[in-house]
C-alpha atoms as a PDB file:
ATOM      1  CA  MET A   1      11.024-105.378  14.152  1.00  0.00           C
ATOM      2  CA  ASN A   2      12.389-107.267  10.877  1.00  0.00           C
ATOM      3  CA  GLU A   3       8.908-108.810  10.811  1.00  0.00           C
ATOM      4  CA  VAL A   4       7.010-106.670  11.606  1.00  0.00           C
ATOM      5  CA  VAL A   5       9.075-104.267   8.782  1.00  0.00           C
ATOM      6  CA  ALA A   6       8.592-107.223   6.139  1.00  0.00           C
ATOM      7  CA  THR A   7       4.956-107.307   7.208  1.00  0.00           C
ATOM      8  CA  ILE A   8       4.734-103.429   6.301  1.00  0.00           C
ATOM      9  CA  LEU A   9       6.324-103.961   2.576  1.00  0.00           C
ATOM     10  CA  HIS A  10       3.788-106.884   1.472  1.00  0.00           C
ATOM     11  CA  HIS A  11       0.546-104.708   2.511  1.00  0.00           C
ATOM     12  CA  LYS A  12       2.300-102.111   0.612  1.00  0.00           C
ATOM     13  CA  GLN A  13       2.714-104.277  -2.251  1.00  0.00           C
ATOM     14  CA  GLN A  14      -0.412-106.088  -1.766  1.00  0.00           C
ATOM     15  CA  LYS A  15       1.111-108.251  -4.419  1.00  0.00           C
ATOM     16  CA  GLN A  16       1.504-111.752  -2.668  1.00  0.00           C
ATOM     17  CA  PRO A  17       0.228-113.564   0.149  1.00  0.00           C
ATOM     18  CA  TYR A  18       2.584-113.081   3.527  1.00  0.00           C
ATOM     19  CA  VAL A  19       1.930-113.523   7.583  1.00  0.00           C
ATOM     20  CA  ALA A  20       1.550-109.899   9.009  1.00  0.00           C
ATOM     21  CA  TYR A  21       3.958-109.681  12.244  1.00  0.00           C
ATOM     22  CA  ALA A  22       2.617-107.688  14.742  1.00  0.00           C
ATOM     23  CA  PRO A  23       4.650-106.377  17.800  1.00  0.00           C
ATOM     24  CA  ILE A  24       3.997-107.274  21.444  1.00  0.00           C
ATOM     25  CA  HIS A  25       5.433-106.622  24.890  1.00  0.00           C
ATOM     26  CA  LEU A  26       5.101-109.284  27.191  1.00  0.00           C
ATOM     27  CA  ASP A  27       4.061-108.681  31.041  1.00  0.00           C
ATOM     28  CA  ASN A  28       6.938-107.188  32.917  1.00  0.00           C
ATOM     29  CA  ASP A  29       9.587-107.123  29.569  1.00  0.00           C
ATOM     30  CA  ASN A  30      10.304-104.269  28.256  1.00  0.00           C
ATOM     31  CA  GLN A  31      11.796-106.097  25.259  1.00  0.00           C
ATOM     32  CA  TYR A  32       9.628-106.208  21.942  1.00  0.00           C
ATOM     33  CA  TYR A  33       8.337-109.636  20.133  1.00  0.00           C
ATOM     34  CA  CYS A  34       6.280-110.503  17.693  1.00  0.00           C
ATOM     35  CA  ILE A  35       3.002-112.222  16.924  1.00  0.00           C
ATOM     36  CA  CYS A  36       1.051-113.845  14.060  1.00  0.00           C
ATOM     37  CA  GLU A  37      -1.414-115.799  13.353  1.00  0.00           C
ATOM     38  CA  SER A  38      -1.286-119.204  12.162  1.00  0.00           C
ATOM     39  CA  PHE A  39      -1.550-120.165   8.184  1.00  0.00           C
ATOM     40  CA  THR A  40      -2.009-123.339   8.962  1.00  0.00           C
ATOM     41  CA  SER A  41      -5.137-125.658  10.180  1.00  0.00           C
ATOM     42  CA  ASP A  42      -6.269-129.160  11.174  1.00  0.00           C
ATOM     43  CA  THR A  43      -7.613-129.413   7.709  1.00  0.00           C
ATOM     44  CA  VAL A  44      -4.638-127.405   5.845  1.00  0.00           C
ATOM     45  CA  GLU A  45      -0.980-128.140   6.168  1.00  0.00           C
ATOM     46  CA  LEU A  46       2.285-126.823   5.294  1.00  0.00           C
ATOM     47  CA  ILE A  47       4.927-128.740   2.961  1.00  0.00           C
ATOM     48  CA  SER A  48       8.016-127.321   3.337  1.00  0.00           C
ATOM     49  CA  ALA A  49      10.089-126.922  -0.180  1.00  0.00           C
ATOM     50  CA  TYR A  50      13.168-129.184   1.735  1.00  0.00           C
ATOM     51  CA  ASP A  51       9.938-131.739   2.147  1.00  0.00           C
ATOM     52  CA  LEU A  52       8.762-131.492  -1.626  1.00  0.00           C
ATOM     53  CA  ILE A  53      12.485-131.890  -2.781  1.00  0.00           C
ATOM     54  CA  GLU A  54      13.430-135.140  -0.927  1.00  0.00           C
ATOM     55  CA  SER A  55      10.180-136.366  -2.287  1.00  0.00           C
ATOM     56  CA  GLN A  56      11.584-137.174  -5.323  1.00  0.00           C
ATOM     57  CA  GLU A  57      14.900-137.795  -7.228  1.00  0.00           C
ATOM     58  CA  ARG A  58      16.042-134.725  -9.336  1.00  0.00           C
ATOM     59  CA  SER A  59      17.132-135.534 -12.644  1.00  0.00           C
ATOM     60  CA  ASN A  60      20.744-134.425 -13.005  1.00  0.00           C
ATOM     61  CA  ASP A  61      19.810-131.958 -15.769  1.00  0.00           C
ATOM     62  CA  ARG A  62      17.584-129.822 -13.167  1.00  0.00           C
ATOM     63  CA  SER A  63      18.262-127.556 -10.430  1.00  0.00           C
ATOM     64  CA  ILE A  64      16.999-127.472  -7.047  1.00  0.00           C
ATOM     65  CA  TYR A  65      15.134-124.496  -7.730  1.00  0.00           C
ATOM     66  CA  GLU A  66      13.305-125.964 -11.087  1.00  0.00           C
ATOM     67  CA  HIS A  67      13.021-129.564  -9.243  1.00  0.00           C
ATOM     68  CA  PHE A  68      10.412-127.852  -6.596  1.00  0.00           C
ATOM     69  CA  ILE A  69       9.132-125.676  -9.610  1.00  0.00           C
ATOM     70  CA  TRP A  70       7.956-129.187 -11.388  1.00  0.00           C
ATOM     71  CA  LEU A  71       7.065-130.497  -8.459  1.00  0.00           C
ATOM     72  CA  CYS A  72       4.560-127.994  -7.674  1.00  0.00           C
ATOM     73  CA  THR A  73       3.561-128.387 -11.073  1.00  0.00           C
ATOM     74  CA  GLN A  74       2.757-132.090 -10.836  1.00  0.00           C
ATOM     75  CA  TYR A  75       0.588-131.607  -7.896  1.00  0.00           C
ATOM     76  CA  GLY A  76      -1.759-129.060  -9.537  1.00  0.00           C
ATOM     77  CA  LEU A  77      -0.319-125.638  -8.795  1.00  0.00           C
ATOM     78  CA  SER A  78       0.314-122.628 -12.231  1.00  0.00           C
ATOM     79  CA  GLU A  79       3.836-123.156 -13.112  1.00  0.00           C
ATOM     80  CA  GLU A  80       3.260-119.174 -13.542  1.00  0.00           C
ATOM     81  CA  GLY A  81       1.948-118.612 -10.201  1.00  0.00           C
ATOM     82  CA  VAL A  82       4.779-120.790  -8.585  1.00  0.00           C
ATOM     83  CA  ARG A  83       7.525-118.598 -10.564  1.00  0.00           C
ATOM     84  CA  SER A  84       5.490-115.474  -9.995  1.00  0.00           C
ATOM     85  CA  PHE A  85       5.619-115.822  -6.095  1.00  0.00           C
ATOM     86  CA  LEU A  86       9.444-117.109  -5.688  1.00  0.00           C
ATOM     87  CA  GLU A  87      10.636-114.437  -7.762  1.00  0.00           C
ATOM     88  CA  TYR A  88       8.524-111.727  -5.985  1.00  0.00           C
ATOM     89  CA  GLN A  89       9.878-113.284  -2.930  1.00  0.00           C
ATOM     90  CA  MET A  90      13.622-113.257  -3.747  1.00  0.00           C
ATOM     91  CA  LEU A  91      13.380-109.626  -5.015  1.00  0.00           C
ATOM     92  CA  THR A  92      11.832-108.386  -1.817  1.00  0.00           C
ATOM     93  CA  ASP A  93      14.157-110.829   0.657  1.00  0.00           C
ATOM     94  CA  PHE A  94      16.760-108.633  -1.601  1.00  0.00           C
ATOM     95  CA  ILE A  95      15.419-105.448  -0.461  1.00  0.00           C
ATOM     96  CA  LEU A  96      15.300-106.563   2.789  1.00  0.00           C
ATOM     97  CA  THR A  97      18.975-108.466   3.104  1.00  0.00           C
ATOM     98  CA  ASN A  98      16.974-111.659   4.237  1.00  0.00           C
ATOM     99  CA  THR A  99      20.003-114.031   4.437  1.00  0.00           C
ATOM    100  CA  ASP A 100      17.765-117.202   5.863  1.00  0.00           C
ATOM    101  CA  ARG A 101      14.882-117.887   3.073  1.00  0.00           C
ATOM    102  CA  HIS A 102      16.172-121.337   3.521  1.00  0.00           C
ATOM    103  CA  LEU A 103      14.155-124.334   1.794  1.00  0.00           C
ATOM    104  CA  ARG A 104      12.094-125.217   5.199  1.00  0.00           C
ATOM    105  CA  ASN A 105      11.225-120.763   5.298  1.00  0.00           C
ATOM    106  CA  ILE A 106       9.237-121.912   1.472  1.00  0.00           C
ATOM    107  CA  GLY A 107       6.281-124.115   1.140  1.00  0.00           C
ATOM    108  CA  VAL A 108       2.921-125.341  -0.279  1.00  0.00           C
ATOM    109  CA  LEU A 109      -0.041-125.442   0.981  1.00  0.00           C
ATOM    110  CA  ARG A 110      -1.974-129.000   1.535  1.00  0.00           C
ATOM    111  CA  ASP A 111      -5.655-129.816   2.005  1.00  0.00           C
ATOM    112  CA  THR A 112      -5.268-132.429   4.635  1.00  0.00           C
ATOM    113  CA  ASN A 113      -8.032-134.592   3.456  1.00  0.00           C
ATOM    114  CA  PRO A 114      -7.790-134.919  -0.578  1.00  0.00           C
ATOM    115  CA  LEU A 115      -4.352-134.232  -0.025  1.00  0.00           C
ATOM    116  CA  ARG A 116      -4.836-131.488  -2.653  1.00  0.00           C
ATOM    117  CA  PHE A 117      -2.411-128.635  -3.056  1.00  0.00           C
ATOM    118  CA  ILE A 118      -3.900-125.591  -2.093  1.00  0.00           C
ATOM    119  CA  ALA A 119      -1.235-122.666  -2.871  1.00  0.00           C
ATOM    120  CA  MET A 120       2.467-121.055  -1.833  1.00  0.00           C
ATOM    121  CA  ALA A 121       2.597-120.816   1.627  1.00  0.00           C
ATOM    122  CA  PRO A 122       2.484-117.090   2.669  1.00  0.00           C
ATOM    123  CA  ILE A 123       5.720-115.556   3.304  1.00  0.00           C
ATOM    124  CA  PHE A 124       6.589-116.094   6.220  1.00  0.00           C
ATOM    125  CA  ASP A 125       9.763-115.770   8.851  1.00  0.00           C
ATOM    126  CA  SER A 126      11.547-113.014   7.666  1.00  0.00           C
ATOM    127  CA  GLY A 127      13.554-111.627  10.874  1.00  0.00           C
ATOM    128  CA  ASN A 128      17.045-112.688  10.123  1.00  0.00           C
ATOM    129  CA  SER A 129      16.650-109.421   8.107  1.00  0.00           C
ATOM    130  CA  MET A 130      18.013-105.874   7.536  1.00  0.00           C
ATOM    131  CA  PHE A 131      21.923-106.514   8.617  1.00  0.00           C
ATOM    132  CA  TYR A 132      20.639-108.471  11.643  1.00  0.00           C
ATOM    133  CA  HIS A 133      23.923-109.931  12.286  1.00  0.00           C
ATOM    134  CA  ASP A 134      26.236-107.162  11.062  1.00  0.00           C
ATOM    135  CA  PRO A 135      24.532-103.487  11.384  1.00  0.00           C
ATOM    136  CA  LEU A 136      27.274-101.887   9.868  1.00  0.00           C
ATOM    137  CA  LEU A 137      28.143-103.745   7.067  1.00  0.00           C
ATOM    138  CA  PRO A 138      26.135-101.097   4.805  1.00  0.00           C
ATOM    139  CA  LEU A 139      28.959 -98.922   5.459  1.00  0.00           C
ATOM    140  CA  ARG A 140      31.859-100.821   4.542  1.00  0.00           C
ATOM    141  CA  ASP A 141      30.045-103.171   1.560  1.00  0.00           C
ATOM    142  CA  ASP A 142      29.072-102.608  -1.863  1.00  0.00           C
ATOM    143  CA  LEU A 143      26.361-105.031  -0.483  1.00  0.00           C
ATOM    144  CA  THR A 144      26.651-107.033  -3.439  1.00  0.00           C
ATOM    145  CA  LYS A 145      28.619-110.218  -1.798  1.00  0.00           C
ATOM    146  CA  ILE A 146      26.043-111.363   0.565  1.00  0.00           C
ATOM    147  CA  GLU A 147      25.731-114.786   1.377  1.00  0.00           C
ATOM    148  CA  VAL A 148      22.282-116.594   1.947  1.00  0.00           C
ATOM    149  CA  ASN A 149      20.889-120.161   2.774  1.00  0.00           C
ATOM    150  CA  SER A 150      18.613-120.494  -0.181  1.00  0.00           C
ATOM    151  CA  PHE A 151      18.330-122.210  -3.979  1.00  0.00           C
ATOM    152  CA  LYS A 152      21.437-120.221  -4.550  1.00  0.00           C
ATOM    153  CA  THR A 153      24.533-119.283  -1.843  1.00  0.00           C
ATOM    154  CA  LYS A 154      24.502-115.872  -2.380  1.00  0.00           C
ATOM    155  CA  GLU A 155      22.155-113.424  -2.799  1.00  0.00           C
ATOM    156  CA  ILE A 156      23.226-111.600  -5.932  1.00  0.00           C
ATOM    157  CA  ASP A 157      22.867-115.083  -7.856  1.00  0.00           C
ATOM    158  CA  LEU A 158      18.966-115.656  -6.535  1.00  0.00           C
ATOM    159  CA  LEU A 159      18.480-112.595  -8.935  1.00  0.00           C
ATOM    160  CA  LYS A 160      19.007-114.064 -11.992  1.00  0.00           C
ATOM    161  CA  TYR A 161      15.710-116.171 -11.646  1.00  0.00           C
ATOM    162  CA  VAL A 162      13.769-113.136 -11.560  1.00  0.00           C
ATOM    163  CA  GLN A 163      12.289-113.257 -15.180  1.00  0.00           C
ATOM    164  CA  HIS A 164       9.247-111.426 -14.414  1.00  0.00           C
ATOM    165  CA  GLU A 165       8.868-107.979 -14.994  1.00  0.00           C
ATOM    166  CA  ASN A 166       6.852-105.586 -12.307  1.00  0.00           C
ATOM    167  CA  LEU A 167       7.069-108.104  -9.252  1.00  0.00           C
ATOM    168  CA  VAL A 168       7.702-105.191  -6.790  1.00  0.00           C
ATOM    169  CA  ASP A 169       5.944-101.538  -7.284  1.00  0.00           C
ATOM    170  CA  VAL A 170       9.505 -99.291  -6.016  1.00  0.00           C
ATOM    171  CA  SER A 171       6.740 -96.475  -5.690  1.00  0.00           C
ATOM    172  CA  LYS A 172       5.231 -98.859  -2.796  1.00  0.00           C
ATOM    173  CA  LEU A 173       7.887 -99.982  -0.922  1.00  0.00           C
ATOM    174  CA  PRO A 174       8.182 -98.185   2.650  1.00  0.00           C
ATOM    175  CA  SER A 175      10.206 -94.796   2.857  1.00  0.00           C
ATOM    176  CA  CYS A 176      13.019 -94.789   5.526  1.00  0.00           C
ATOM    177  CA  GLU A 177      11.443 -92.531   7.599  1.00  0.00           C
ATOM    178  CA  GLU A 178       8.894 -94.945   8.347  1.00  0.00           C
ATOM    179  CA  LEU A 179      10.993 -97.629   8.751  1.00  0.00           C
ATOM    180  CA  ARG A 180      13.241 -95.691  11.197  1.00  0.00           C
ATOM    181  CA  SER A 181      10.082 -94.980  13.269  1.00  0.00           C
ATOM    182  CA  ILE A 182       9.038 -98.713  13.298  1.00  0.00           C
ATOM    183  CA  TYR A 183      13.014 -98.981  14.739  1.00  0.00           C
ATOM    184  CA  ALA A 184      12.818 -95.957  17.336  1.00  0.00           C
ATOM    185  CA  LYS A 185      10.683 -98.522  19.047  1.00  0.00           C
ATOM    186  CA  ASP A 186      12.842-100.505  20.377  1.00  0.00           C
ATOM    187  CA  SER A 187      15.808 -98.340  22.702  1.00  0.00           C
ATOM    188  CA  LEU A 188      18.269-101.621  21.528  1.00  0.00           C
ATOM    189  CA  ILE A 189      18.299-101.029  18.050  1.00  0.00           C
ATOM    190  CA  THR A 190      20.860 -98.500  18.124  1.00  0.00           C
ATOM    191  CA  TYR A 191      22.106 -98.537  13.997  1.00  0.00           C
ATOM    192  CA  SER A 192      18.746 -97.840  12.448  1.00  0.00           C
ATOM    193  CA  ASP A 193      20.683 -95.146   9.627  1.00  0.00           C
ATOM    194  CA  ALA A 194      23.472 -97.765   8.747  1.00  0.00           C
ATOM    195  CA  ILE A 195      20.874 -99.830   8.225  1.00  0.00           C
ATOM    196  CA  LEU A 196      18.430 -97.636   6.201  1.00  0.00           C
ATOM    197  CA  LEU A 197      21.686 -96.712   4.020  1.00  0.00           C
ATOM    198  CA  GLY A 198      21.663-100.479   3.192  1.00  0.00           C
ATOM    199  CA  TYR A 199      18.271-100.632   2.337  1.00  0.00           C
ATOM    200  CA  GLN A 200      18.341 -97.723   0.622  1.00  0.00           C
ATOM    201  CA  LYS A 201      21.259 -99.321  -1.550  1.00  0.00           C
ATOM    202  CA  LYS A 202      19.647-102.936  -2.090  1.00  0.00           C
ATOM    203  CA  ILE A 203      17.003-100.646  -3.959  1.00  0.00           C
ATOM    204  CA  ASP A 204      19.194 -99.158  -5.859  1.00  0.00           C
ATOM    205  CA  ILE A 205      20.835-102.098  -7.129  1.00  0.00           C
ATOM    206  CA  LEU A 206      17.874-103.758  -8.289  1.00  0.00           C
ATOM    207  CA  THR A 207      16.813-100.562 -10.109  1.00  0.00           C
ATOM    208  CA  SER A 208      20.065-100.348 -11.585  1.00  0.00           C
ATOM    209  CA  LEU A 209      19.748-104.219 -12.413  1.00  0.00           C
ATOM    210  CA  GLY A 210      16.882-103.263 -14.654  1.00  0.00           C
ATOM    211  CA  LYS A 211      14.922-105.681 -11.836  1.00  0.00           C
ATOM    212  CA  LEU A 212      12.587-103.066 -10.341  1.00  0.00           C
END
C-alpha cells in the first residue's frame, strides 16, 4: 500500500516522472500486492547511481552526491534537471519517510544503441516508507533522527541538498483522510492513525524549515 500512497502523491504533484503502482489480489490470496509497468525495454536500460558512481574515480573534494550529478552532466543530462529531480525526490521521500533510497534505487535511463543518456529514471521502489519498520514511531519521536540508506545516513541531512524552491506543492499533497481510506483496504494495517500522524508531522517539519 505504501507504493500506492507514493503513486498518488506523485500523481497529484505532476512534478517529476514516477512509476505508477496499483494494488492487486492474487487468486485465492487475500493479501494485497502491487504491480507496475516496466520502465525499461530492449532499447532503454537502467543505469543505477551506484554503477555510474563506481564507473569513474571521484576526486577527494567532491561528495558522492556531487560526483553523481557531475557524471550525469558529462553524459549529456542537464545539471539543473538532475538537481531538481533529486531534490524533489528527497523532499517527497522525507514526507513519505522512505528510508531505503539507496543508490540502486536511483538511476538514469540510457538508450542501448548509441549508449546515450535519455533522462533520470522515474521514481520507483518506495515501499519501505510510512514507518513500515516501526509504525508507532510517530507517537514517541520528533522524527528528526531517522536513519536512511542514501547519499547521507540521516534523513534530515539529505534536506541540506535541497536548494530549489517550490519543488513540492503542499496544497496538492494527499490528505490524511485520503490515505486512511487506502490503508483501510488492508486489514493487516492496524496502526494507520499513528502512521498518518507521522505523515502530517513530516509535512510540518518541512514547512518549518522553509522547504515547502
